[in-house]
Amino acid sequence: ANINIGGTANYAPSVRGRFTISRDNEKNMVYLQMNSLRPEDT
């Protein structure tokens, strides 16, 4: 997944609906919330 300065995110089909990317520009951080994890996510 990636996310631009404006907050627009893109996801790989295999993770769409399960993962969420977000960022905090003030803190200079990016996050990836990963739910419903599968062995193939290893």
PDB file of all heavy atoms in Angstrom:
ATOM      1  N   ALA A   1       0.844  -1.185   0.000  1.00  0.00           N
ATOM      2  CA  ALA A   1       0.000   0.000   0.000  1.00  0.00           C
ATOM      3  C   ALA A   1       0.877   1.230   0.000  1.00  0.00           C
ATOM      4  O   ALA A   1       2.006   1.196   0.478  1.00  0.00           O
ATOM      5  CB  ALA A   1      -0.934   0.023   1.218  1.00  0.00           C
ATOM      6  N   ASN A   2       0.364   2.319  -0.541  1.00  0.00           N
ATOM      7  CA  ASN A   2       1.038   3.598  -0.406  1.00  0.00           C
ATOM      8  C   ASN A   2       0.012   4.703  -0.228  1.00  0.00           C
ATOM      9  O   ASN A   2      -1.183   4.498  -0.449  1.00  0.00           O
ATOM     10  CB  ASN A   2       2.007   3.887  -1.565  1.00  0.00           C
ATOM     11  CG  ASN A   2       1.329   3.953  -2.916  1.00  0.00           C
ATOM     12  OD1 ASN A   2       0.122   4.144  -3.034  1.00  0.00           O
ATOM     13  ND2 ASN A   2       2.139   3.799  -3.977  1.00  0.00           N
ATOM     14  N   ILE A   3       0.504   5.866   0.166  1.00  0.00           N
ATOM     15  CA  ILE A   3      -0.381   6.983   0.448  1.00  0.00           C
ATOM     16  C   ILE A   3       0.361   8.277   0.148  1.00  0.00           C
ATOM     17  O   ILE A   3       1.530   8.437   0.493  1.00  0.00           O
ATOM     18  CB  ILE A   3      -0.868   6.930   1.919  1.00  0.00           C
ATOM     19  CG1 ILE A   3      -1.867   8.050   2.206  1.00  0.00           C
ATOM     20  CG2 ILE A   3       0.302   6.967   2.886  1.00  0.00           C
ATOM     21  CD1 ILE A   3      -2.572   7.884   3.549  1.00  0.00           C
ATOM     22  N   ASN A   4      -0.308   9.202  -0.524  1.00  0.00           N
ATOM     23  CA  ASN A   4       0.344  10.447  -0.870  1.00  0.00           C
ATOM     24  C   ASN A   4       0.074  11.517   0.185  1.00  0.00           C
ATOM     25  O   ASN A   4      -0.608  11.277   1.182  1.00  0.00           O
ATOM     26  CB  ASN A   4      -0.062  10.916  -2.275  1.00  0.00           C
ATOM     27  CG  ASN A   4      -1.530  11.295  -2.382  1.00  0.00           C
ATOM     28  OD1 ASN A   4      -2.238  11.466  -1.395  1.00  0.00           O
ATOM     29  ND2 ASN A   4      -1.993  11.448  -3.625  1.00  0.00           N
ATOM     30  N   ILE A   5       0.634  12.702  -0.037  1.00  0.00           N
ATOM     31  CA  ILE A   5       0.507  13.778   0.935  1.00  0.00           C
ATOM     32  C   ILE A   5      -0.954  14.132   1.188  1.00  0.00           C
ATOM     33  O   ILE A   5      -1.345  14.453   2.319  1.00  0.00           O
ATOM     34  CB  ILE A   5       1.280  15.029   0.471  1.00  0.00           C
ATOM     35  CG1 ILE A   5       2.790  14.784   0.550  1.00  0.00           C
ATOM     36  CG2 ILE A   5       0.893  16.239   1.283  1.00  0.00           C
ATOM     37  CD1 ILE A   5       3.298  14.645   1.961  1.00  0.00           C
ATOM     38  N   GLY A   6      -1.775  14.065   0.152  1.00  0.00           N
ATOM     39  CA  GLY A   6      -3.178  14.398   0.295  1.00  0.00           C
ATOM     40  C   GLY A   6      -4.019  13.340   0.961  1.00  0.00           C
ATOM     41  O   GLY A   6      -5.209  13.582   1.223  1.00  0.00           O
ATOM     42  N   GLY A   7      -3.451  12.172   1.226  1.00  0.00           N
ATOM     43  CA  GLY A   7      -4.179  11.117   1.902  1.00  0.00           C
ATOM     44  C   GLY A   7      -4.796  10.074   1.000  1.00  0.00           C
ATOM     45  O   GLY A   7      -5.515   9.187   1.485  1.00  0.00           O
ATOM     46  N   THR A   8      -4.552  10.146  -0.298  1.00  0.00           N
ATOM     47  CA  THR A   8      -5.063   9.144  -1.220  1.00  0.00           C
ATOM     48  C   THR A   8      -4.234   7.873  -1.127  1.00  0.00           C
ATOM     49  O   THR A   8      -3.012   7.916  -1.281  1.00  0.00           O
ATOM     50  CB  THR A   8      -5.053   9.664  -2.657  1.00  0.00           C
ATOM     51  OG1 THR A   8      -5.872  10.832  -2.747  1.00  0.00           O
ATOM     52  CG2 THR A   8      -5.584   8.610  -3.618  1.00  0.00           C
ATOM     53  N   ALA A   9      -4.897   6.762  -0.882  1.00  0.00           N
ATOM     54  CA  ALA A   9      -4.212   5.492  -0.666  1.00  0.00           C
ATOM     55  C   ALA A   9      -4.470   4.521  -1.809  1.00  0.00           C
ATOM     56  O   ALA A   9      -5.525   4.548  -2.451  1.00  0.00           O
ATOM     57  CB  ALA A   9      -4.661   4.867   0.650  1.00  0.00           C
ATOM     58  N   ASN A  10      -3.495   3.656  -2.041  1.00  0.00           N
ATOM     59  CA  ASN A  10      -3.610   2.573  -3.007  1.00  0.00           C
ATOM     60  C   ASN A  10      -3.235   1.275  -2.316  1.00  0.00           C
ATOM     61  O   ASN A  10      -2.327   1.244  -1.483  1.00  0.00           O
ATOM     62  CB  ASN A  10      -2.690   2.798  -4.208  1.00  0.00           C
ATOM     63  CG  ASN A  10      -3.027   4.050  -4.979  1.00  0.00           C
ATOM     64  OD1 ASN A  10      -4.044   4.112  -5.655  1.00  0.00           O
ATOM     65  ND2 ASN A  10      -2.169   5.064  -4.865  1.00  0.00           N
ATOM     66  N   TYR A  11      -3.914   0.187  -2.685  1.00  0.00           N
ATOM     67  CA  TYR A  11      -3.683  -1.102  -2.056  1.00  0.00           C
ATOM     68  C   TYR A  11      -3.504  -2.193  -3.089  1.00  0.00           C
ATOM     69  O   TYR A  11      -4.132  -2.174  -4.152  1.00  0.00           O
ATOM     70  CB  TYR A  11      -4.850  -1.490  -1.153  1.00  0.00           C
ATOM     71  CG  TYR A  11      -5.074  -0.565   0.008  1.00  0.00           C
ATOM     72  CD1 TYR A  11      -5.947   0.512  -0.091  1.00  0.00           C
ATOM     73  CD2 TYR A  11      -4.409  -0.771   1.216  1.00  0.00           C
ATOM     74  CE1 TYR A  11      -6.152   1.363   0.975  1.00  0.00           C
ATOM     75  CE2 TYR A  11      -4.615   0.078   2.288  1.00  0.00           C
ATOM     76  CZ  TYR A  11      -5.485   1.145   2.167  1.00  0.00           C
ATOM     77  OH  TYR A  11      -5.686   1.985   3.239  1.00  0.00           O
ATOM     78  N   ALA A  12      -2.655  -3.154  -2.765  1.00  0.00           N
ATOM     79  CA  ALA A  12      -2.581  -4.357  -3.570  1.00  0.00           C
ATOM     80  C   ALA A  12      -3.896  -5.121  -3.434  1.00  0.00           C
ATOM     81  O   ALA A  12      -4.508  -5.131  -2.366  1.00  0.00           O
ATOM     82  CB  ALA A  12      -1.421  -5.238  -3.115  1.00  0.00           C
ATOM     83  N   PRO A  13      -4.357  -5.751  -4.516  1.00  0.00           N
ATOM     84  CA  PRO A  13      -5.625  -6.489  -4.435  1.00  0.00           C
ATOM     85  C   PRO A  13      -5.666  -7.516  -3.310  1.00  0.00           C
ATOM     86  O   PRO A  13      -6.730  -7.736  -2.720  1.00  0.00           O
ATOM     87  CB  PRO A  13      -5.724  -7.168  -5.810  1.00  0.00           C
ATOM     88  CG  PRO A  13      -4.943  -6.277  -6.720  1.00  0.00           C
ATOM     89  CD  PRO A  13      -3.806  -5.782  -5.883  1.00  0.00           C
ATOM     90  N   SER A  14      -4.541  -8.127  -2.997  1.00  0.00           N
ATOM     91  CA  SER A  14      -4.508  -9.178  -1.992  1.00  0.00           C
ATOM     92  C   SER A  14      -4.747  -8.669  -0.574  1.00  0.00           C
ATOM     93  O   SER A  14      -5.075  -9.461   0.311  1.00  0.00           O
ATOM     94  CB  SER A  14      -3.169  -9.920  -2.045  1.00  0.00           C
ATOM     95  OG  SER A  14      -2.088  -9.038  -1.798  1.00  0.00           O
ATOM     96  N   VAL A  15      -4.588  -7.364  -0.340  1.00  0.00           N
ATOM     97  CA  VAL A  15      -4.747  -6.822   1.004  1.00  0.00           C
ATOM     98  C   VAL A  15      -5.906  -5.842   1.115  1.00  0.00           C
ATOM     99  O   VAL A  15      -6.266  -5.444   2.229  1.00  0.00           O
ATOM    100  CB  VAL A  15      -3.461  -6.144   1.509  1.00  0.00           C
ATOM    101  CG1 VAL A  15      -2.270  -7.075   1.370  1.00  0.00           C
ATOM    102  CG2 VAL A  15      -3.206  -4.831   0.772  1.00  0.00           C
ATOM    103  N   ARG A  16      -6.483  -5.461  -0.005  1.00  0.00           N
ATOM    104  CA  ARG A  16      -7.573  -4.493   0.014  1.00  0.00           C
ATOM    105  C   ARG A  16      -8.743  -5.015   0.849  1.00  0.00           C
ATOM    106  O   ARG A  16      -9.175  -6.147   0.692  1.00  0.00           O
ATOM    107  CB  ARG A  16      -8.026  -4.176  -1.408  1.00  0.00           C
ATOM    108  CG  ARG A  16      -9.036  -3.028  -1.494  1.00  0.00           C
ATOM    109  CD  ARG A  16      -9.352  -2.659  -2.950  1.00  0.00           C
ATOM    110  NE  ARG A  16      -8.202  -2.081  -3.629  1.00  0.00           N
ATOM    111  CZ  ARG A  16      -7.565  -2.667  -4.647  1.00  0.00           C
ATOM    112  NH1 ARG A  16      -7.977  -3.849  -5.094  1.00  0.00           N
ATOM    113  NH2 ARG A  16      -6.526  -2.074  -5.203  1.00  0.00           N
ATOM    114  N   GLY A  17      -9.225  -4.176   1.748  1.00  0.00           N
ATOM    115  CA  GLY A  17     -10.296  -4.568   2.647  1.00  0.00           C
ATOM    116  C   GLY A  17      -9.813  -5.135   3.954  1.00  0.00           C
ATOM    117  O   GLY A  17     -10.604  -5.247   4.903  1.00  0.00           O
ATOM    118  N   ARG A  18      -8.542  -5.518   4.031  1.00  0.00           N
ATOM    119  CA  ARG A  18      -7.970  -6.062   5.264  1.00  0.00           C
ATOM    120  C   ARG A  18      -6.957  -5.116   5.902  1.00  0.00           C
ATOM    121  O   ARG A  18      -6.865  -5.052   7.126  1.00  0.00           O
ATOM    122  CB  ARG A  18      -7.306  -7.408   5.001  1.00  0.00           C
ATOM    123  CG  ARG A  18      -8.250  -8.473   4.479  1.00  0.00           C
ATOM    124  CD  ARG A  18      -7.557  -9.833   4.402  1.00  0.00           C
ATOM    125  NE  ARG A  18      -6.426  -9.828   3.479  1.00  0.00           N
ATOM    126  CZ  ARG A  18      -5.174 -10.135   3.812  1.00  0.00           C
ATOM    127  NH1 ARG A  18      -4.887 -10.474   5.062  1.00  0.00           N
ATOM    128  NH2 ARG A  18      -4.214 -10.121   2.898  1.00  0.00           N
ATOM    129  N   PHE A  19      -6.190  -4.424   5.072  1.00  0.00           N
ATOM    130  CA  PHE A  19      -5.148  -3.518   5.560  1.00  0.00           C
ATOM    131  C   PHE A  19      -5.577  -2.072   5.358  1.00  0.00           C
ATOM    132  O   PHE A  19      -6.293  -1.754   4.396  1.00  0.00           O
ATOM    133  CB  PHE A  19      -3.827  -3.732   4.809  1.00  0.00           C
ATOM    134  CG  PHE A  19      -3.165  -5.060   5.043  1.00  0.00           C
ATOM    135  CD1 PHE A  19      -3.770  -6.060   5.784  1.00  0.00           C
ATOM    136  CD2 PHE A  19      -1.910  -5.302   4.506  1.00  0.00           C
ATOM    137  CE1 PHE A  19      -3.150  -7.285   5.994  1.00  0.00           C
ATOM    138  CE2 PHE A  19      -1.275  -6.516   4.708  1.00  0.00           C
ATOM    139  CZ  PHE A  19      -1.895  -7.506   5.453  1.00  0.00           C
ATOM    140  N   THR A  20      -5.103  -1.197   6.232  1.00  0.00           N
ATOM    141  CA  THR A  20      -5.358   0.225   6.119  1.00  0.00           C
ATOM    142  C   THR A  20      -4.066   0.992   6.345  1.00  0.00           C
ATOM    143  O   THR A  20      -3.413   0.816   7.369  1.00  0.00           O
ATOM    144  CB  THR A  20      -6.416   0.702   7.124  1.00  0.00           C
ATOM    145  OG1 THR A  20      -7.634  -0.015   6.924  1.00  0.00           O
ATOM    146  CG2 THR A  20      -6.689   2.193   6.935  1.00  0.00           C
ATOM    147  N   ILE A  21      -3.703   1.832   5.388  1.00  0.00           N
ATOM    148  CA  ILE A  21      -2.521   2.661   5.528  1.00  0.00           C
ATOM    149  C   ILE A  21      -2.942   4.068   5.931  1.00  0.00           C
ATOM    150  O   ILE A  21      -3.977   4.571   5.491  1.00  0.00           O
ATOM    151  CB  ILE A  21      -1.692   2.683   4.221  1.00  0.00           C
ATOM    152  CG1 ILE A  21      -0.350   3.378   4.444  1.00  0.00           C
ATOM    153  CG2 ILE A  21      -2.467   3.345   3.086  1.00  0.00           C
ATOM    154  CD1 ILE A  21       0.603   3.242   3.265  1.00  0.00           C
ATOM    155  N   SER A  22      -2.151   4.700   6.780  1.00  0.00           N
ATOM    156  CA  SER A  22      -2.411   6.066   7.198  1.00  0.00           C
ATOM    157  C   SER A  22      -1.086   6.755   7.471  1.00  0.00           C
ATOM    158  O   SER A  22      -0.043   6.103   7.592  1.00  0.00           O
ATOM    159  CB  SER A  22      -3.316   6.102   8.440  1.00  0.00           C
ATOM    160  OG  SER A  22      -2.704   5.438   9.531  1.00  0.00           O
ATOM    161  N   ARG A  23      -1.121   8.069   7.564  1.00  0.00           N
ATOM    162  CA  ARG A  23       0.107   8.812   7.841  1.00  0.00           C
ATOM    163  C   ARG A  23      -0.196  10.035   8.684  1.00  0.00           C
ATOM    164  O   ARG A  23      -1.315  10.556   8.688  1.00  0.00           O
ATOM    165  CB  ARG A  23       0.814   9.216   6.538  1.00  0.00           C
ATOM    166  CG  ARG A  23       0.071  10.250   5.703  1.00  0.00           C
ATOM    167  CD  ARG A  23       0.732  10.439   4.341  1.00  0.00           C
ATOM    168  NE  ARG A  23       2.073  11.019   4.448  1.00  0.00           N
ATOM    169  CZ  ARG A  23       2.902  11.153   3.416  1.00  0.00           C
ATOM    170  NH1 ARG A  23       2.542  10.725   2.204  1.00  0.00           N
ATOM    171  NH2 ARG A  23       4.101  11.697   3.590  1.00  0.00           N
ATOM    172  N   ASP A  24       0.820  10.471   9.389  1.00  0.00           N
ATOM    173  CA  ASP A  24       0.762  11.681  10.189  1.00  0.00           C
ATOM    174  C   ASP A  24       1.918  12.554   9.718  1.00  0.00           C
ATOM    175  O   ASP A  24       3.071  12.309  10.067  1.00  0.00           O
ATOM    176  CB  ASP A  24       0.879  11.365  11.675  1.00  0.00           C
ATOM    177  CG  ASP A  24       0.659  12.581  12.555  1.00  0.00           C
ATOM    178  OD1 ASP A  24       1.016  13.702  12.142  1.00  0.00           O
ATOM    179  OD2 ASP A  24       0.128  12.412  13.674  1.00  0.00           O
ATOM    180  N   ASN A  25       1.615  13.551   8.911  1.00  0.00           N
ATOM    181  CA  ASN A  25       2.665  14.384   8.336  1.00  0.00           C
ATOM    182  C   ASN A  25       3.404  15.200   9.387  1.00  0.00           C
ATOM    183  O   ASN A  25       4.602  15.446   9.256  1.00  0.00           O
ATOM    184  CB  ASN A  25       2.072  15.314   7.271  1.00  0.00           C
ATOM    185  CG  ASN A  25       1.583  14.568   6.049  1.00  0.00           C
ATOM    186  OD1 ASN A  25       2.095  13.507   5.708  1.00  0.00           O
ATOM    187  ND2 ASN A  25       0.585  15.129   5.379  1.00  0.00           N
ATOM    188  N   GLU A  26       2.696  15.627  10.418  1.00  0.00           N
ATOM    189  CA  GLU A  26       3.330  16.405  11.479  1.00  0.00           C
ATOM    190  C   GLU A  26       4.352  15.574  12.242  1.00  0.00           C
ATOM    191  O   GLU A  26       5.416  16.065  12.616  1.00  0.00           O
ATOM    192  CB  GLU A  26       2.282  16.960  12.435  1.00  0.00           C
ATOM    193  CG  GLU A  26       2.857  17.837  13.533  1.00  0.00           C
ATOM    194  CD  GLU A  26       1.786  18.421  14.423  1.00  0.00           C
ATOM    195  OE1 GLU A  26       0.590  18.239  14.135  1.00  0.00           O
ATOM    196  OE2 GLU A  26       2.147  19.072  15.424  1.00  0.00           O
ATOM    197  N   LYS A  27       4.022  14.301  12.477  1.00  0.00           N
ATOM    198  CA  LYS A  27       4.919  13.413  13.209  1.00  0.00           C
ATOM    199  C   LYS A  27       5.880  12.659  12.294  1.00  0.00           C
ATOM    200  O   LYS A  27       6.728  11.909  12.772  1.00  0.00           O
ATOM    201  CB  LYS A  27       4.114  12.409  14.029  1.00  0.00           C
ATOM    202  CG  LYS A  27       3.281  13.047  15.130  1.00  0.00           C
ATOM    203  CD  LYS A  27       2.531  11.999  15.925  1.00  0.00           C
ATOM    204  CE  LYS A  27       1.725  12.619  17.039  1.00  0.00           C
ATOM    205  NZ  LYS A  27       0.979  11.597  17.822  1.00  0.00           N
ATOM    206  N   ASN A  28       5.718  12.834  10.990  1.00  0.00           N
ATOM    207  CA  ASN A  28       6.575  12.162  10.015  1.00  0.00           C
ATOM    208  C   ASN A  28       6.522  10.649  10.174  1.00  0.00           C
ATOM    209  O   ASN A  28       7.556   9.971  10.199  1.00  0.00           O
ATOM    210  CB  ASN A  28       8.013  12.666  10.123  1.00  0.00           C
ATOM    211  CG  ASN A  28       8.130  14.157   9.911  1.00  0.00           C
ATOM    212  OD1 ASN A  28       7.543  14.705   8.981  1.00  0.00           O
ATOM    213  ND2 ASN A  28       8.886  14.819  10.776  1.00  0.00           N
ATOM    214  N   MET A  29       5.313  10.131  10.271  1.00  0.00           N
ATOM    215  CA  MET A  29       5.131   8.702  10.447  1.00  0.00           C
ATOM    216  C   MET A  29       4.069   8.161   9.491  1.00  0.00           C
ATOM    217  O   MET A  29       3.154   8.883   9.084  1.00  0.00           O
ATOM    218  CB  MET A  29       4.735   8.373  11.888  1.00  0.00           C
ATOM    219  CG  MET A  29       5.785   8.747  12.916  1.00  0.00           C
ATOM    220  SD  MET A  29       5.454   8.073  14.558  1.00  0.00           S
ATOM    221  CE  MET A  29       5.756   6.321  14.255  1.00  0.00           C
ATOM    222  N   VAL A  30       4.221   6.902   9.151  1.00  0.00           N
ATOM    223  CA  VAL A  30       3.236   6.189   8.358  1.00  0.00           C
ATOM    224  C   VAL A  30       2.945   4.871   9.057  1.00  0.00           C
ATOM    225  O   VAL A  30       3.829   4.271   9.677  1.00  0.00           O
ATOM    226  CB  VAL A  30       3.714   5.970   6.909  1.00  0.00           C
ATOM    227  CG1 VAL A  30       4.958   5.086   6.868  1.00  0.00           C
ATOM    228  CG2 VAL A  30       2.604   5.398   6.041  1.00  0.00           C
ATOM    229  N   TYR A  31       1.690   4.423   8.961  1.00  0.00           N
ATOM    230  CA  TYR A  31       1.247   3.239   9.682  1.00  0.00           C
ATOM    231  C   TYR A  31       0.577   2.260   8.729  1.00  0.00           C
ATOM    232  O   TYR A  31       0.060   2.641   7.680  1.00  0.00           O
ATOM    233  CB  TYR A  31       0.255   3.615  10.782  1.00  0.00           C
ATOM    234  CG  TYR A  31       0.735   4.712  11.697  1.00  0.00           C
ATOM    235  CD1 TYR A  31       0.424   6.040  11.430  1.00  0.00           C
ATOM    236  CD2 TYR A  31       1.489   4.419  12.829  1.00  0.00           C
ATOM    237  CE1 TYR A  31       0.870   7.052  12.265  1.00  0.00           C
ATOM    238  CE2 TYR A  31       1.927   5.430  13.668  1.00  0.00           C
ATOM    239  CZ  TYR A  31       1.617   6.739  13.386  1.00  0.00           C
ATOM    240  OH  TYR A  31       2.051   7.743  14.213  1.00  0.00           O
ATOM    241  N   LEU A  32       0.577   1.010   9.121  1.00  0.00           N
ATOM    242  CA  LEU A  32      -0.148  -0.011   8.384  1.00  0.00           C
ATOM    243  C   LEU A  32      -0.893  -0.884   9.379  1.00  0.00           C
ATOM    244  O   LEU A  32      -0.275  -1.650  10.123  1.00  0.00           O
ATOM    245  CB  LEU A  32       0.796  -0.868   7.532  1.00  0.00           C
ATOM    246  CG  LEU A  32       0.107  -1.881   6.620  1.00  0.00           C
ATOM    247  CD1 LEU A  32      -0.658  -1.165   5.507  1.00  0.00           C
ATOM    248  CD2 LEU A  32       1.125  -2.849   6.012  1.00  0.00           C
ATOM    249  N   GLN A  33      -2.211  -0.743   9.402  1.00  0.00           N
ATOM    250  CA  GLN A  33      -3.047  -1.592  10.225  1.00  0.00           C
ATOM    251  C   GLN A  33      -3.380  -2.845   9.434  1.00  0.00           C
ATOM    252  O   GLN A  33      -3.966  -2.760   8.353  1.00  0.00           O
ATOM    253  CB  GLN A  33      -4.327  -0.862  10.638  1.00  0.00           C
ATOM    254  CG  GLN A  33      -5.281  -1.693  11.482  1.00  0.00           C
ATOM    255  CD  GLN A  33      -4.704  -2.037  12.831  1.00  0.00           C
ATOM    256  OE1 GLN A  33      -4.155  -1.176  13.511  1.00  0.00           O
ATOM    257  NE2 GLN A  33      -4.818  -3.296  13.224  1.00  0.00           N
ATOM    258  N   MET A  34      -3.023  -3.997   9.968  1.00  0.00           N
ATOM    259  CA  MET A  34      -3.167  -5.261   9.276  1.00  0.00           C
ATOM    260  C   MET A  34      -4.156  -6.137  10.048  1.00  0.00           C
ATOM    261  O   MET A  34      -3.880  -6.555  11.169  1.00  0.00           O
ATOM    262  CB  MET A  34      -1.822  -5.971   9.148  1.00  0.00           C
ATOM    263  CG  MET A  34      -0.712  -5.078   8.590  1.00  0.00           C
ATOM    264  SD  MET A  34       0.949  -5.778   8.811  1.00  0.00           S
ATOM    265  CE  MET A  34       0.868  -7.175   7.699  1.00  0.00           C
ATOM    266  N   ASN A  35      -5.299  -6.408   9.440  1.00  0.00           N
ATOM    267  CA  ASN A  35      -6.330  -7.243  10.052  1.00  0.00           C
ATOM    268  C   ASN A  35      -6.545  -8.503   9.234  1.00  0.00           C
ATOM    269  O   ASN A  35      -6.168  -8.580   8.071  1.00  0.00           O
ATOM    270  CB  ASN A  35      -7.646  -6.465  10.167  1.00  0.00           C
ATOM    271  CG  ASN A  35      -7.540  -5.232  11.037  1.00  0.00           C
ATOM    272  OD1 ASN A  35      -6.806  -5.219  12.028  1.00  0.00           O
ATOM    273  ND2 ASN A  35      -8.287  -4.192  10.678  1.00  0.00           N
ATOM    274  N   SER A  36      -7.180  -9.477   9.863  1.00  0.00           N
ATOM    275  CA  SER A  36      -7.495 -10.749   9.195  1.00  0.00           C
ATOM    276  C   SER A  36      -6.267 -11.328   8.506  1.00  0.00           C
ATOM    277  O   SER A  36      -6.312 -11.733   7.340  1.00  0.00           O
ATOM    278  CB  SER A  36      -8.635 -10.544   8.188  1.00  0.00           C
ATOM    279  OG  SER A  36      -9.792 -10.043   8.824  1.00  0.00           O
ATOM    280  N   LEU A  37      -5.180 -11.387   9.228  1.00  0.00           N
ATOM    281  CA  LEU A  37      -3.920 -11.835   8.651  1.00  0.00           C
ATOM    282  C   LEU A  37      -3.973 -13.295   8.237  1.00  0.00           C
ATOM    283  O   LEU A  37      -4.595 -14.124   8.902  1.00  0.00           O
ATOM    284  CB  LEU A  37      -2.780 -11.604   9.636  1.00  0.00           C
ATOM    285  CG  LEU A  37      -2.326 -10.141   9.749  1.00  0.00           C
ATOM    286  CD1 LEU A  37      -1.518  -9.922  11.012  1.00  0.00           C
ATOM    287  CD2 LEU A  37      -1.513  -9.753   8.522  1.00  0.00           C
ATOM    288  N   ARG A  38      -3.307 -13.578   7.146  1.00  0.00           N
ATOM    289  CA  ARG A  38      -3.240 -14.913   6.573  1.00  0.00           C
ATOM    290  C   ARG A  38      -1.795 -15.378   6.514  1.00  0.00           C
ATOM    291  O   ARG A  38      -0.879 -14.565   6.479  1.00  0.00           O
ATOM    292  CB  ARG A  38      -3.827 -14.909   5.158  1.00  0.00           C
ATOM    293  CG  ARG A  38      -5.244 -14.351   5.067  1.00  0.00           C
ATOM    294  CD  ARG A  38      -5.605 -14.049   3.626  1.00  0.00           C
ATOM    295  NE  ARG A  38      -6.955 -13.519   3.499  1.00  0.00           N
ATOM    296  CZ  ARG A  38      -7.457 -12.990   2.388  1.00  0.00           C
ATOM    297  NH1 ARG A  38      -6.711 -12.932   1.288  1.00  0.00           N
ATOM    298  NH2 ARG A  38      -8.695 -12.535   2.374  1.00  0.00           N
ATOM    299  N   PRO A  39      -1.559 -16.693   6.472  1.00  0.00           N
ATOM    300  CA  PRO A  39      -0.184 -17.189   6.365  1.00  0.00           C
ATOM    301  C   PRO A  39       0.565 -16.606   5.173  1.00  0.00           C
ATOM    302  O   PRO A  39       1.778 -16.378   5.263  1.00  0.00           O
ATOM    303  CB  PRO A  39      -0.363 -18.702   6.231  1.00  0.00           C
ATOM    304  CG  PRO A  39      -1.632 -18.980   6.969  1.00  0.00           C
ATOM    305  CD  PRO A  39      -2.520 -17.795   6.679  1.00  0.00           C
ATOM    306  N   GLU A  40      -0.117 -16.363   4.070  1.00  0.00           N
ATOM    307  CA  GLU A  40       0.529 -15.808   2.891  1.00  0.00           C
ATOM    308  C   GLU A  40       0.939 -14.352   3.061  1.00  0.00           C
ATOM    309  O   GLU A  40       1.621 -13.793   2.194  1.00  0.00           O
ATOM    310  CB  GLU A  40      -0.366 -15.958   1.645  1.00  0.00           C
ATOM    311  CG  GLU A  40      -1.783 -15.440   1.831  1.00  0.00           C
ATOM    312  CD  GLU A  40      -2.762 -16.538   2.207  1.00  0.00           C
ATOM    313  OE1 GLU A  40      -2.406 -17.412   3.023  1.00  0.00           O
ATOM    314  OE2 GLU A  40      -3.893 -16.524   1.687  1.00  0.00           O
ATOM    315  N   ASP A  41       0.534 -13.723   4.161  1.00  0.00           N
ATOM    316  CA  ASP A  41       1.008 -12.382   4.472  1.00  0.00           C
ATOM    317  C   ASP A  41       2.397 -12.393   5.101  1.00  0.00           C
ATOM    318  O   ASP A  41       2.991 -11.330   5.304  1.00  0.00           O
ATOM    319  CB  ASP A  41       0.041 -11.665   5.416  1.00  0.00           C
ATOM    320  CG  ASP A  41      -1.314 -11.394   4.784  1.00  0.00           C
ATOM    321  OD1 ASP A  41      -1.352 -11.004   3.596  1.00  0.00           O
ATOM    322  OD2 ASP A  41      -2.339 -11.567   5.475  1.00  0.00           O
ATOM    323  N   THR A  42       2.896 -13.569   5.422  1.00  0.00           N
ATOM    324  CA  THR A  42       4.215 -13.685   6.034  1.00  0.00           C
ATOM    325  C   THR A  42       5.287 -13.133   5.104  1.00  0.00           C
ATOM    326  O   THR A  42       5.410 -13.559   3.956  1.00  0.00           O
ATOM    327  CB  THR A  42       4.527 -15.143   6.375  1.00  0.00           C
ATOM    328  OG1 THR A  42       3.594 -15.616   7.348  1.00  0.00           O
ATOM    329  CG2 THR A  42       5.937 -15.286   6.926  1.00  0.00           C
TER     330      THR A  42
END
